[in-house]
Amino acid sequence: MLKQRVAAANAVRDLLIETERGIEEMMASTARRAVALLEARAIGRLPITAGQEALEHNAQLLQTLIQARRQAGEEHMQLAQAVKMLGLAAYGDQSECPPDSFVPTGELAKPRLVA
């Protein structure tokens, strides 16, 4: 029974961490795109109003991703409580989160603990 609980918790953990990393990768890409837009406007010697709407949409997208990141963090905390009820250890209750929570190169390290 313990083996099944650990396997189930690990499956949920892996998917949650995949989501968290994906959100942060999208945030980084969105921020880089804003910079690229500003640089392209300067290189093209276009007026400051050029690309304004695109920049505003980019900012709105980034804000949406920030909210998604907050939601994923809240889910993480809730799942850590559920893992405790299963009698297992989770990040945040007895130990710190892993240092590899954001890998900008896209290489994902396998998580080491439950939840």
C-alpha atoms as a PDB file:
ATOM      1  CA  MET A   1       0.000   0.000   0.000  1.00  0.00           C
ATOM      2  CA  LEU A   2       2.811   2.433   0.841  1.00  0.00           C
ATOM      3  CA  LYS A   3       4.453   1.712  -2.514  1.00  0.00           C
ATOM      4  CA  GLN A   4       1.217   2.616  -4.325  1.00  0.00           C
ATOM      5  CA  ARG A   5       0.800   5.840  -2.310  1.00  0.00           C
ATOM      6  CA  VAL A   6       4.375   6.871  -3.064  1.00  0.00           C
ATOM      7  CA  ALA A   7       3.916   6.095  -6.776  1.00  0.00           C
ATOM      8  CA  ALA A   8       0.677   8.109  -6.926  1.00  0.00           C
ATOM      9  CA  ALA A   9       2.220  11.055  -5.075  1.00  0.00           C
ATOM     10  CA  ASN A  10       5.287  10.952  -7.331  1.00  0.00           C
ATOM     11  CA  ALA A  11       3.106  11.006 -10.469  1.00  0.00           C
ATOM     12  CA  VAL A  12       1.262  14.103  -9.235  1.00  0.00           C
ATOM     13  CA  ARG A  13       4.538  15.723  -8.139  1.00  0.00           C
ATOM     14  CA  ASP A  14       6.176  15.157 -11.518  1.00  0.00           C
ATOM     15  CA  LEU A  15       3.261  16.754 -13.358  1.00  0.00           C
ATOM     16  CA  LEU A  16       3.082  19.716 -10.992  1.00  0.00           C
ATOM     17  CA  ILE A  17       6.793  20.423 -11.287  1.00  0.00           C
ATOM     18  CA  GLU A  18       6.507  20.109 -15.077  1.00  0.00           C
ATOM     19  CA  THR A  19       3.722  22.712 -14.972  1.00  0.00           C
ATOM     20  CA  GLU A  20       5.706  25.045 -12.722  1.00  0.00           C
ATOM     21  CA  ARG A  21       8.742  24.876 -14.973  1.00  0.00           C
ATOM     22  CA  GLY A  22       6.624  25.354 -18.087  1.00  0.00           C
ATOM     23  CA  ILE A  23       5.032  28.486 -16.671  1.00  0.00           C
ATOM     24  CA  GLU A  24       8.420  29.964 -15.783  1.00  0.00           C
ATOM     25  CA  GLU A  25       9.819  29.108 -19.216  1.00  0.00           C
ATOM     26  CA  MET A  26       6.843  30.861 -20.848  1.00  0.00           C
ATOM     27  CA  MET A  27       7.376  33.872 -18.577  1.00  0.00           C
ATOM     28  CA  ALA A  28      11.033  34.090 -19.577  1.00  0.00           C
ATOM     29  CA  SER A  29      10.167  33.778 -23.271  1.00  0.00           C
ATOM     30  CA  THR A  30       7.485  36.445 -22.983  1.00  0.00           C
ATOM     31  CA  ALA A  31       9.890  38.844 -21.265  1.00  0.00           C
ATOM     32  CA  ARG A  32      12.573  38.210 -23.908  1.00  0.00           C
ATOM     33  CA  ARG A  33      10.004  38.912 -26.624  1.00  0.00           C
ATOM     34  CA  ALA A  34       9.212  42.323 -25.073  1.00  0.00           C
ATOM     35  CA  VAL A  35      12.909  43.195 -25.163  1.00  0.00           C
ATOM     36  CA  ALA A  36      13.193  41.980 -28.772  1.00  0.00           C
ATOM     37  CA  LEU A  37      10.217  44.134 -29.740  1.00  0.00           C
ATOM     38  CA  LEU A  38      11.833  47.219 -28.212  1.00  0.00           C
ATOM     39  CA  GLU A  39      15.162  46.479 -29.871  1.00  0.00           C
ATOM     40  CA  ALA A  40      13.506  45.900 -33.259  1.00  0.00           C
ATOM     41  CA  ARG A  41      11.718  49.247 -32.997  1.00  0.00           C
ATOM     42  CA  ALA A  42      15.010  50.997 -32.230  1.00  0.00           C
ATOM     43  CA  ILE A  43      16.881  49.238 -35.052  1.00  0.00           C
ATOM     44  CA  GLY A  44      14.101  50.098 -37.492  1.00  0.00           C
ATOM     45  CA  ARG A  45      14.145  53.715 -36.274  1.00  0.00           C
ATOM     46  CA  LEU A  46      10.389  53.586 -35.887  1.00  0.00           C
ATOM     47  CA  PRO A  47       8.420  56.022 -33.722  1.00  0.00           C
ATOM     48  CA  ILE A  48       7.957  55.095 -30.087  1.00  0.00           C
ATOM     49  CA  THR A  49       4.300  54.340 -30.764  1.00  0.00           C
ATOM     50  CA  ALA A  50       5.213  51.521 -33.180  1.00  0.00           C
ATOM     51  CA  GLY A  51       4.375  48.170 -31.663  1.00  0.00           C
ATOM     52  CA  GLN A  52       2.660  49.731 -28.650  1.00  0.00           C
ATOM     53  CA  GLU A  53      -0.389  47.458 -28.810  1.00  0.00           C
ATOM     54  CA  ALA A  54       1.787  44.380 -29.201  1.00  0.00           C
ATOM     55  CA  LEU A  55       3.829  45.471 -26.183  1.00  0.00           C
ATOM     56  CA  GLU A  56       0.654  45.968 -24.149  1.00  0.00           C
ATOM     57  CA  HIS A  57      -0.591  42.501 -25.109  1.00  0.00           C
ATOM     58  CA  ASN A  58       2.795  41.093 -24.143  1.00  0.00           C
ATOM     59  CA  ALA A  59       2.528  42.765 -20.725  1.00  0.00           C
ATOM     60  CA  GLN A  60      -0.985  41.374 -20.238  1.00  0.00           C
ATOM     61  CA  LEU A  61       0.235  37.906 -21.162  1.00  0.00           C
ATOM     62  CA  LEU A  62       3.087  38.193 -18.678  1.00  0.00           C
ATOM     63  CA  GLN A  63       0.644  39.255 -15.950  1.00  0.00           C
ATOM     64  CA  THR A  64      -1.545  36.249 -16.749  1.00  0.00           C
ATOM     65  CA  LEU A  65       1.470  33.959 -16.476  1.00  0.00           C
ATOM     66  CA  ILE A  66       2.410  35.547 -13.137  1.00  0.00           C
ATOM     67  CA  GLN A  67      -1.072  34.737 -11.867  1.00  0.00           C
ATOM     68  CA  ALA A  68      -0.752  31.176 -13.185  1.00  0.00           C
ATOM     69  CA  ARG A  69       2.565  30.863 -11.340  1.00  0.00           C
ATOM     70  CA  ARG A  70       0.889  31.987  -8.106  1.00  0.00           C
ATOM     71  CA  GLN A  71      -1.885  29.418  -8.624  1.00  0.00           C
ATOM     72  CA  ALA A  72       0.654  26.638  -9.216  1.00  0.00           C
ATOM     73  CA  GLY A  73       2.438  27.637  -6.010  1.00  0.00           C
ATOM     74  CA  GLU A  74      -0.817  27.508  -4.077  1.00  0.00           C
ATOM     75  CA  GLU A  75      -1.604  24.101  -5.555  1.00  0.00           C
ATOM     76  CA  HIS A  76       1.867  22.959  -4.519  1.00  0.00           C
ATOM     77  CA  MET A  77       1.175  23.985  -0.907  1.00  0.00           C
ATOM     78  CA  GLN A  78      -2.192  22.224  -0.915  1.00  0.00           C
ATOM     79  CA  LEU A  79      -0.694  19.043  -2.315  1.00  0.00           C
ATOM     80  CA  ALA A  80       2.061  19.144   0.312  1.00  0.00           C
ATOM     81  CA  GLN A  81      -0.673  19.005   2.958  1.00  0.00           C
ATOM     82  CA  ALA A  82      -2.332  16.066   1.201  1.00  0.00           C
ATOM     83  CA  VAL A  83       0.995  14.239   1.065  1.00  0.00           C
ATOM     84  CA  LYS A  84       1.341  14.670   4.843  1.00  0.00           C
ATOM     85  CA  MET A  85      -2.073  13.041   5.279  1.00  0.00           C
ATOM     86  CA  LEU A  86      -0.743  10.075   3.315  1.00  0.00           C
ATOM     87  CA  GLY A  87       2.097   9.811   5.826  1.00  0.00           C
ATOM     88  CA  LEU A  88       4.783  10.851   3.338  1.00  0.00           C
ATOM     89  CA  ALA A  89       7.348  13.675   3.375  1.00  0.00           C
ATOM     90  CA  ALA A  90       6.934  16.666   1.065  1.00  0.00           C
ATOM     91  CA  TYR A  91       8.927  19.702   0.004  1.00  0.00           C
ATOM     92  CA  GLY A  92       8.261  22.618   2.261  1.00  0.00           C
ATOM     93  CA  ASP A  93       7.313  20.673   5.378  1.00  0.00           C
ATOM     94  CA  GLN A  94      10.628  19.126   6.364  1.00  0.00           C
ATOM     95  CA  SER A  95      13.002  20.360   3.694  1.00  0.00           C
ATOM     96  CA  GLU A  96      13.532  23.161   1.216  1.00  0.00           C
ATOM     97  CA  CYS A  97      12.329  22.982  -2.381  1.00  0.00           C
ATOM     98  CA  PRO A  98      14.942  21.634  -4.782  1.00  0.00           C
ATOM     99  CA  PRO A  99      17.418  24.160  -6.174  1.00  0.00           C
ATOM    100  CA  ASP A 100      16.556  23.182  -9.765  1.00  0.00           C
ATOM    101  CA  SER A 101      13.030  24.628  -9.703  1.00  0.00           C
ATOM    102  CA  PHE A 102      13.796  26.756 -12.779  1.00  0.00           C
ATOM    103  CA  VAL A 103      16.180  25.548 -15.452  1.00  0.00           C
ATOM    104  CA  PRO A 104      16.401  28.203 -18.199  1.00  0.00           C
ATOM    105  CA  THR A 105      18.046  25.821 -20.650  1.00  0.00           C
ATOM    106  CA  GLY A 106      14.927  23.644 -20.723  1.00  0.00           C
ATOM    107  CA  GLU A 107      16.771  20.620 -19.339  1.00  0.00           C
ATOM    108  CA  LEU A 108      14.570  19.141 -16.644  1.00  0.00           C
ATOM    109  CA  ALA A 109      16.167  17.342 -13.728  1.00  0.00           C
ATOM    110  CA  LYS A 110      14.200  14.487 -12.203  1.00  0.00           C
ATOM    111  CA  PRO A 111      12.699  15.581  -8.859  1.00  0.00           C
ATOM    112  CA  ARG A 112      14.026  13.668  -5.891  1.00  0.00           C
ATOM    113  CA  LEU A 113      11.253  13.776  -3.258  1.00  0.00           C
ATOM    114  CA  VAL A 114       7.487  13.462  -3.028  1.00  0.00           C
ATOM    115  CA  ALA A 115       5.300  16.528  -3.787  1.00  0.00           C
END
